[in-house]
């Protein structure tokens, strides 16, 4: 899962009016999408535990959405 994939999905959903015509915001919409994807992977794998490996630079501002989604 990459930042680009997350933003692309959120933009796609906004354009399809899946947010009910509301504005999309970095918080909470980006972390919600990250959590949704993590939960979907967990359910698909039917696992008891899901381990998330976080890569990248924590100090980068663009990575803050991923940290908030954990």
PDB file of N, CA and C in Angstrom:
ATOM      1  N   UNK A   1       0.853  -1.161   0.000  1.00  0.00           N
ATOM      2  CA  UNK A   1       0.000   0.000   0.000  1.00  0.00           C
ATOM      3  C   UNK A   1       0.902   1.227   0.000  1.00  0.00           C
ATOM      4  N   UNK A   2       0.666   2.115  -0.925  1.00  0.00           N
ATOM      5  CA  UNK A   2       1.477   3.327  -1.029  1.00  0.00           C
ATOM      6  C   UNK A   2       0.602   4.557  -0.786  1.00  0.00           C
ATOM      7  N   UNK A   3       1.250   5.669  -0.521  1.00  0.00           N
ATOM      8  CA  UNK A   3       0.532   6.922  -0.327  1.00  0.00           C
ATOM      9  C   UNK A   3      -0.300   7.260  -1.561  1.00  0.00           C
ATOM     10  N   UNK A   4       0.285   7.051  -2.742  1.00  0.00           N
ATOM     11  CA  UNK A   4      -0.429   7.328  -3.985  1.00  0.00           C
ATOM     12  C   UNK A   4      -1.683   6.494  -4.139  1.00  0.00           C
ATOM     13  N   UNK A   5      -1.612   5.221  -3.771  1.00  0.00           N
ATOM     14  CA  UNK A   5      -2.781   4.346  -3.859  1.00  0.00           C
ATOM     15  C   UNK A   5      -3.883   4.804  -2.907  1.00  0.00           C
ATOM     16  N   UNK A   6      -3.481   5.218  -1.723  1.00  0.00           N
ATOM     17  CA  UNK A   6      -4.462   5.687  -0.740  1.00  0.00           C
ATOM     18  C   UNK A   6      -5.164   6.942  -1.251  1.00  0.00           C
ATOM     19  N   UNK A   7      -4.384   7.931  -1.678  1.00  0.00           N
ATOM     20  CA  UNK A   7      -4.977   9.180  -2.165  1.00  0.00           C
ATOM     21  C   UNK A   7      -5.811   8.940  -3.420  1.00  0.00           C
ATOM     22  N   UNK A   8      -5.361   8.071  -4.306  1.00  0.00           N
ATOM     23  CA  UNK A   8      -6.114   7.777  -5.523  1.00  0.00           C
ATOM     24  C   UNK A   8      -7.490   7.199  -5.189  1.00  0.00           C
ATOM     25  N   UNK A   9      -7.535   6.289  -4.216  1.00  0.00           N
ATOM     26  CA  UNK A   9      -8.815   5.695  -3.824  1.00  0.00           C
ATOM     27  C   UNK A   9      -9.729   6.720  -3.171  1.00  0.00           C
ATOM     28  N   UNK A  10      -9.186   7.565  -2.318  1.00  0.00           N
ATOM     29  CA  UNK A  10     -10.001   8.584  -1.654  1.00  0.00           C
ATOM     30  C   UNK A  10     -10.544   9.568  -2.689  1.00  0.00           C
ATOM     31  N   UNK A  11      -9.729   9.969  -3.640  1.00  0.00           N
ATOM     32  CA  UNK A  11     -10.188  10.879  -4.702  1.00  0.00           C
ATOM     33  C   UNK A  11     -11.251  10.202  -5.564  1.00  0.00           C
ATOM     34  N   UNK A  12     -11.048   8.933  -5.896  1.00  0.00           N
ATOM     35  CA  UNK A  12     -12.042   8.193  -6.683  1.00  0.00           C
ATOM     36  C   UNK A  12     -13.380   8.149  -5.954  1.00  0.00           C
ATOM     37  N   UNK A  13     -13.330   7.850  -4.663  1.00  0.00           N
ATOM     38  CA  UNK A  13     -14.558   7.776  -3.873  1.00  0.00           C
ATOM     39  C   UNK A  13     -15.235   9.143  -3.766  1.00  0.00           C
ATOM     40  N   UNK A  14     -14.447  10.201  -3.651  1.00  0.00           N
ATOM     41  CA  UNK A  14     -15.031  11.549  -3.600  1.00  0.00           C
ATOM     42  C   UNK A  14     -15.727  11.869  -4.916  1.00  0.00           C
ATOM     43  N   UNK A  15     -15.092  11.546  -6.020  1.00  0.00           N
ATOM     44  CA  UNK A  15     -15.674  11.844  -7.345  1.00  0.00           C
ATOM     45  C   UNK A  15     -16.943  11.049  -7.605  1.00  0.00           C
ATOM     46  N   UNK A  16     -17.057   9.888  -6.962  1.00  0.00           N
ATOM     47  CA  UNK A  16     -18.268   9.071  -7.081  1.00  0.00           C
ATOM     48  C   UNK A  16     -19.308   9.425  -6.014  1.00  0.00           C
ATOM     49  N   UNK A  17     -19.065  10.530  -5.309  1.00  0.00           N
ATOM     50  CA  UNK A  17     -19.956  11.047  -4.275  1.00  0.00           C
ATOM     51  C   UNK A  17     -20.199  10.051  -3.147  1.00  0.00           C
ATOM     52  N   UNK A  18     -19.208   9.218  -2.868  1.00  0.00           N
ATOM     53  CA  UNK A  18     -19.336   8.238  -1.795  1.00  0.00           C
ATOM     54  C   UNK A  18     -19.160   8.860  -0.415  1.00  0.00           C
ATOM     55  N   UNK A  19     -18.792  10.123  -0.364  1.00  0.00           N
ATOM     56  CA  UNK A  19     -18.702  10.841   0.909  1.00  0.00           C
ATOM     57  C   UNK A  19     -19.935  11.705   1.130  1.00  0.00           C
ATOM     58  N   UNK A  20     -20.977  11.454   0.363  1.00  0.00           N
ATOM     59  CA  UNK A  20     -22.233  12.185   0.527  1.00  0.00           C
ATOM     60  C   UNK A  20     -22.146  13.654   0.168  1.00  0.00           C
ATOM     61  N   UNK A  21     -21.230  14.018  -0.732  1.00  0.00           N
ATOM     62  CA  UNK A  21     -21.084  15.400  -1.141  1.00  0.00           C
ATOM     63  C   UNK A  21     -20.260  16.243  -0.190  1.00  0.00           C
ATOM     64  N   UNK A  22     -19.774  15.640   0.885  1.00  0.00           N
ATOM     65  CA  UNK A  22     -18.944  16.358   1.854  1.00  0.00           C
ATOM     66  C   UNK A  22     -17.524  16.511   1.315  1.00  0.00           C
ATOM     67  N   UNK A  23     -16.815  17.504   1.835  1.00  0.00           N
ATOM     68  CA  UNK A  23     -15.422  17.697   1.467  1.00  0.00           C
ATOM     69  C   UNK A  23     -14.571  16.580   2.046  1.00  0.00           C
ATOM     70  N   UNK A  24     -13.560  16.171   1.295  1.00  0.00           N
ATOM     71  CA  UNK A  24     -12.604  15.184   1.783  1.00  0.00           C
ATOM     72  C   UNK A  24     -11.508  15.928   2.523  1.00  0.00           C
ATOM     73  N   UNK A  25     -11.138  15.423   3.675  1.00  0.00           N
ATOM     74  CA  UNK A  25     -10.083  16.027   4.470  1.00  0.00           C
ATOM     75  C   UNK A  25      -8.996  14.992   4.735  1.00  0.00           C
ATOM     76  N   UNK A  26      -7.756  15.488   4.869  1.00  0.00           N
ATOM     77  CA  UNK A  26      -6.648  14.570   5.139  1.00  0.00           C
ATOM     78  C   UNK A  26      -6.931  13.795   6.413  1.00  0.00           C
ATOM     79  N   UNK A  27      -7.371  14.503   7.442  1.00  0.00           N
ATOM     80  CA  UNK A  27      -7.814  13.842   8.666  1.00  0.00           C
ATOM     81  C   UNK A  27      -9.292  14.090   8.799  1.00  0.00           C
ATOM     82  N   UNK A  28     -10.111  13.117   8.873  1.00  0.00           N
ATOM     83  CA  UNK A  28      -9.894  11.718   9.166  1.00  0.00           C
ATOM     84  C   UNK A  28      -9.937  10.790   7.956  1.00  0.00           C
ATOM     85  N   UNK A  29     -10.179  11.314   6.749  1.00  0.00           N
ATOM     86  CA  UNK A  29     -10.461  10.444   5.609  1.00  0.00           C
ATOM     87  C   UNK A  29      -9.280   9.570   5.178  1.00  0.00           C
ATOM     88  N   UNK A  30      -8.060  10.090   5.189  1.00  0.00           N
ATOM     89  CA  UNK A  30      -6.904   9.288   4.792  1.00  0.00           C
ATOM     90  C   UNK A  30      -6.631   8.170   5.805  1.00  0.00           C
ATOM     91  N   UNK A  31      -6.559   8.463   7.110  1.00  0.00           N
ATOM     92  CA  UNK A  31      -6.379   7.368   8.071  1.00  0.00           C
ATOM     93  C   UNK A  31      -7.500   6.325   8.022  1.00  0.00           C
ATOM     94  N   UNK A  32      -8.733   6.768   7.777  1.00  0.00           N
ATOM     95  CA  UNK A  32      -9.844   5.811   7.671  1.00  0.00           C
ATOM     96  C   UNK A  32      -9.636   4.848   6.502  1.00  0.00           C
ATOM     97  N   UNK A  33      -9.139   5.354   5.384  1.00  0.00           N
ATOM     98  CA  UNK A  33      -8.873   4.501   4.225  1.00  0.00           C
ATOM     99  C   UNK A  33      -7.749   3.517   4.526  1.00  0.00           C
ATOM    100  N   UNK A  34      -6.734   3.970   5.233  1.00  0.00           N
ATOM    101  CA  UNK A  34      -5.628   3.089   5.611  1.00  0.00           C
ATOM    102  C   UNK A  34      -6.150   1.975   6.508  1.00  0.00           C
ATOM    103  N   UNK A  35      -6.923   2.329   7.509  1.00  0.00           N
ATOM    104  CA  UNK A  35      -7.488   1.335   8.419  1.00  0.00           C
ATOM    105  C   UNK A  35      -8.401   0.380   7.665  1.00  0.00           C
ATOM    106  N   UNK A  36      -9.208   0.888   6.743  1.00  0.00           N
ATOM    107  CA  UNK A  36     -10.100   0.035   5.951  1.00  0.00           C
ATOM    108  C   UNK A  36      -9.311  -1.006   5.178  1.00  0.00           C
ATOM    109  N   UNK A  37      -8.190  -0.584   4.575  1.00  0.00           N
ATOM    110  CA  UNK A  37      -7.365  -1.516   3.803  1.00  0.00           C
ATOM    111  C   UNK A  37      -6.687  -2.556   4.694  1.00  0.00           C
ATOM    112  N   UNK A  38      -6.225  -2.127   5.848  1.00  0.00           N
ATOM    113  CA  UNK A  38      -5.602  -3.074   6.780  1.00  0.00           C
ATOM    114  C   UNK A  38      -6.630  -4.111   7.234  1.00  0.00           C
ATOM    115  N   UNK A  39      -7.814  -3.664   7.594  1.00  0.00           N
ATOM    116  CA  UNK A  39      -8.868  -4.585   8.026  1.00  0.00           C
ATOM    117  C   UNK A  39      -9.304  -5.522   6.910  1.00  0.00           C
ATOM    118  N   UNK A  40      -9.349  -5.018   5.665  1.00  0.00           N
ATOM    119  CA  UNK A  40      -9.715  -5.865   4.524  1.00  0.00           C
ATOM    120  C   UNK A  40      -8.670  -6.965   4.312  1.00  0.00           C
ATOM    121  N   UNK A  41      -7.399  -6.620   4.449  1.00  0.00           N
ATOM    122  CA  UNK A  41      -6.335  -7.629   4.328  1.00  0.00           C
ATOM    123  C   UNK A  41      -6.443  -8.662   5.434  1.00  0.00           C
ATOM    124  N   UNK A  42      -6.745  -8.207   6.627  1.00  0.00           N
ATOM    125  CA  UNK A  42      -6.892  -9.093   7.779  1.00  0.00           C
ATOM    126  C   UNK A  42      -8.031 -10.088   7.545  1.00  0.00           C
ATOM    127  N   UNK A  43      -9.162  -9.588   7.073  1.00  0.00           N
ATOM    128  CA  UNK A  43     -10.319 -10.451   6.813  1.00  0.00           C
ATOM    129  C   UNK A  43     -10.062 -11.416   5.661  1.00  0.00           C
ATOM    130  N   UNK A  44      -9.416 -10.933   4.614  1.00  0.00           N
ATOM    131  CA  UNK A  44      -9.131 -11.786   3.459  1.00  0.00           C
ATOM    132  C   UNK A  44      -8.205 -12.934   3.836  1.00  0.00           C
ATOM    133  N   UNK A  45      -7.220 -12.651   4.673  1.00  0.00           N
ATOM    134  CA  UNK A  45      -6.269 -13.682   5.097  1.00  0.00           C
ATOM    135  C   UNK A  45      -6.839 -14.580   6.191  1.00  0.00           C
ATOM    136  N   UNK A  46      -7.945 -14.158   6.795  1.00  0.00           N
ATOM    137  CA  UNK A  46      -8.564 -14.903   7.902  1.00  0.00           C
ATOM    138  C   UNK A  46      -7.537 -15.239   8.977  1.00  0.00           C
ATOM    139  N   UNK A  47      -6.753 -14.236   9.326  1.00  0.00           N
ATOM    140  CA  UNK A  47      -5.693 -14.444  10.306  1.00  0.00           C
ATOM    141  C   UNK A  47      -6.124 -13.936  11.680  1.00  0.00           C
ATOM    142  N   UNK A  48      -5.466 -14.459  12.703  1.00  0.00           N
ATOM    143  CA  UNK A  48      -5.733 -14.002  14.064  1.00  0.00           C
ATOM    144  C   UNK A  48      -4.962 -12.718  14.366  1.00  0.00           C
ATOM    145  N   UNK A  49      -3.791 -12.582  13.746  1.00  0.00           N
ATOM    146  CA  UNK A  49      -2.923 -11.435  13.982  1.00  0.00           C
ATOM    147  C   UNK A  49      -2.504 -10.859  12.634  1.00  0.00           C
ATOM    148  N   UNK A  50      -2.485  -9.546  12.542  1.00  0.00           N
ATOM    149  CA  UNK A  50      -1.993  -8.871  11.343  1.00  0.00           C
ATOM    150  C   UNK A  50      -0.825  -7.987  11.744  1.00  0.00           C
ATOM    151  N   UNK A  51       0.307  -8.191  11.091  1.00  0.00           N
ATOM    152  CA  UNK A  51       1.505  -7.403  11.372  1.00  0.00           C
ATOM    153  C   UNK A  51       1.658  -6.381  10.264  1.00  0.00           C
ATOM    154  N   UNK A  52       1.843  -5.138  10.645  1.00  0.00           N
ATOM    155  CA  UNK A  52       1.994  -4.042   9.693  1.00  0.00           C
ATOM    156  C   UNK A  52       3.432  -3.569   9.751  1.00  0.00           C
ATOM    157  N   UNK A  53       4.103  -3.596   8.610  1.00  0.00           N
ATOM    158  CA  UNK A  53       5.461  -3.062   8.527  1.00  0.00           C
ATOM    159  C   UNK A  53       5.375  -1.660   7.953  1.00  0.00           C
ATOM    160  N   UNK A  54       5.870  -0.720   8.709  1.00  0.00           N
ATOM    161  CA  UNK A  54       5.823   0.674   8.287  1.00  0.00           C
ATOM    162  C   UNK A  54       7.175   1.053   7.724  1.00  0.00           C
ATOM    163  N   UNK A  55       7.198   1.529   6.490  1.00  0.00           N
ATOM    164  CA  UNK A  55       8.445   1.943   5.864  1.00  0.00           C
ATOM    165  C   UNK A  55       8.421   3.423   5.554  1.00  0.00           C
ATOM    166  N   UNK A  56       9.565   3.973   5.303  1.00  0.00           N
ATOM    167  CA  UNK A  56       9.653   5.383   4.965  1.00  0.00           C
ATOM    168  C   UNK A  56      10.260   6.171   6.102  1.00  0.00           C
ATOM    169  N   UNK A  57      10.222   7.463   5.958  1.00  0.00           N
ATOM    170  CA  UNK A  57      10.811   8.358   6.941  1.00  0.00           C
ATOM    171  C   UNK A  57       9.713   8.920   7.820  1.00  0.00           C
ATOM    172  N   UNK A  58       9.790   8.670   9.111  1.00  0.00           N
ATOM    173  CA  UNK A  58       8.750   9.103  10.037  1.00  0.00           C
ATOM    174  C   UNK A  58       8.666  10.618  10.110  1.00  0.00           C
ATOM    175  N   UNK A  59       9.784  11.304   9.951  1.00  0.00           N
ATOM    176  CA  UNK A  59       9.783  12.761  10.070  1.00  0.00           C
ATOM    177  C   UNK A  59       9.077  13.452   8.914  1.00  0.00           C
ATOM    178  N   UNK A  60       8.902  12.773   7.804  1.00  0.00           N
ATOM    179  CA  UNK A  60       8.257  13.398   6.652  1.00  0.00           C
ATOM    180  C   UNK A  60       6.802  13.706   6.943  1.00  0.00           C
ATOM    181  N   UNK A  61       6.398  14.876   6.561  1.00  0.00           N
ATOM    182  CA  UNK A  61       5.020  15.304   6.811  1.00  0.00           C
ATOM    183  C   UNK A  61       4.025  14.437   6.044  1.00  0.00           C
ATOM    184  N   UNK A  62       4.392  14.004   4.842  1.00  0.00           N
ATOM    185  CA  UNK A  62       3.486  13.208   4.028  1.00  0.00           C
ATOM    186  C   UNK A  62       3.214  11.834   4.636  1.00  0.00           C
ATOM    187  N   UNK A  63       4.065  11.381   5.543  1.00  0.00           N
ATOM    188  CA  UNK A  63       3.889  10.078   6.166  1.00  0.00           C
ATOM    189  C   UNK A  63       2.967  10.136   7.378  1.00  0.00           C
ATOM    190  N   UNK A  64       2.585  11.316   7.819  1.00  0.00           N
ATOM    191  CA  UNK A  64       1.793  11.442   9.044  1.00  0.00           C
ATOM    192  C   UNK A  64       0.437  10.770   8.952  1.00  0.00           C
ATOM    193  N   UNK A  65      -0.155  10.712   7.761  1.00  0.00           N
ATOM    194  CA  UNK A  65      -1.434  10.034   7.597  1.00  0.00           C
ATOM    195  C   UNK A  65      -1.322   8.544   7.868  1.00  0.00           C
ATOM    196  N   UNK A  66      -0.214   7.970   7.465  1.00  0.00           N
ATOM    197  CA  UNK A  66      -0.006   6.553   7.718  1.00  0.00           C
ATOM    198  C   UNK A  66       0.210   6.288   9.204  1.00  0.00           C
ATOM    199  N   UNK A  67       0.906   7.176   9.881  1.00  0.00           N
ATOM    200  CA  UNK A  67       1.106   6.996  11.316  1.00  0.00           C
ATOM    201  C   UNK A  67      -0.219   7.118  12.052  1.00  0.00           C
ATOM    202  N   UNK A  68      -1.065   8.025  11.602  1.00  0.00           N
ATOM    203  CA  UNK A  68      -2.373   8.196  12.227  1.00  0.00           C
ATOM    204  C   UNK A  68      -3.294   7.028  11.979  1.00  0.00           C
ATOM    205  N   UNK A  69      -3.057   6.297  10.905  1.00  0.00           N
ATOM    206  CA  UNK A  69      -3.905   5.146  10.577  1.00  0.00           C
ATOM    207  C   UNK A  69      -3.556   3.904  11.338  1.00  0.00           C
ATOM    208  N   UNK A  70      -2.410   3.904  12.005  1.00  0.00           N
ATOM    209  CA  UNK A  70      -1.987   2.697  12.741  1.00  0.00           C
ATOM    210  C   UNK A  70      -2.717   2.546  14.027  1.00  0.00           C
TER     211      UNK A  70
END
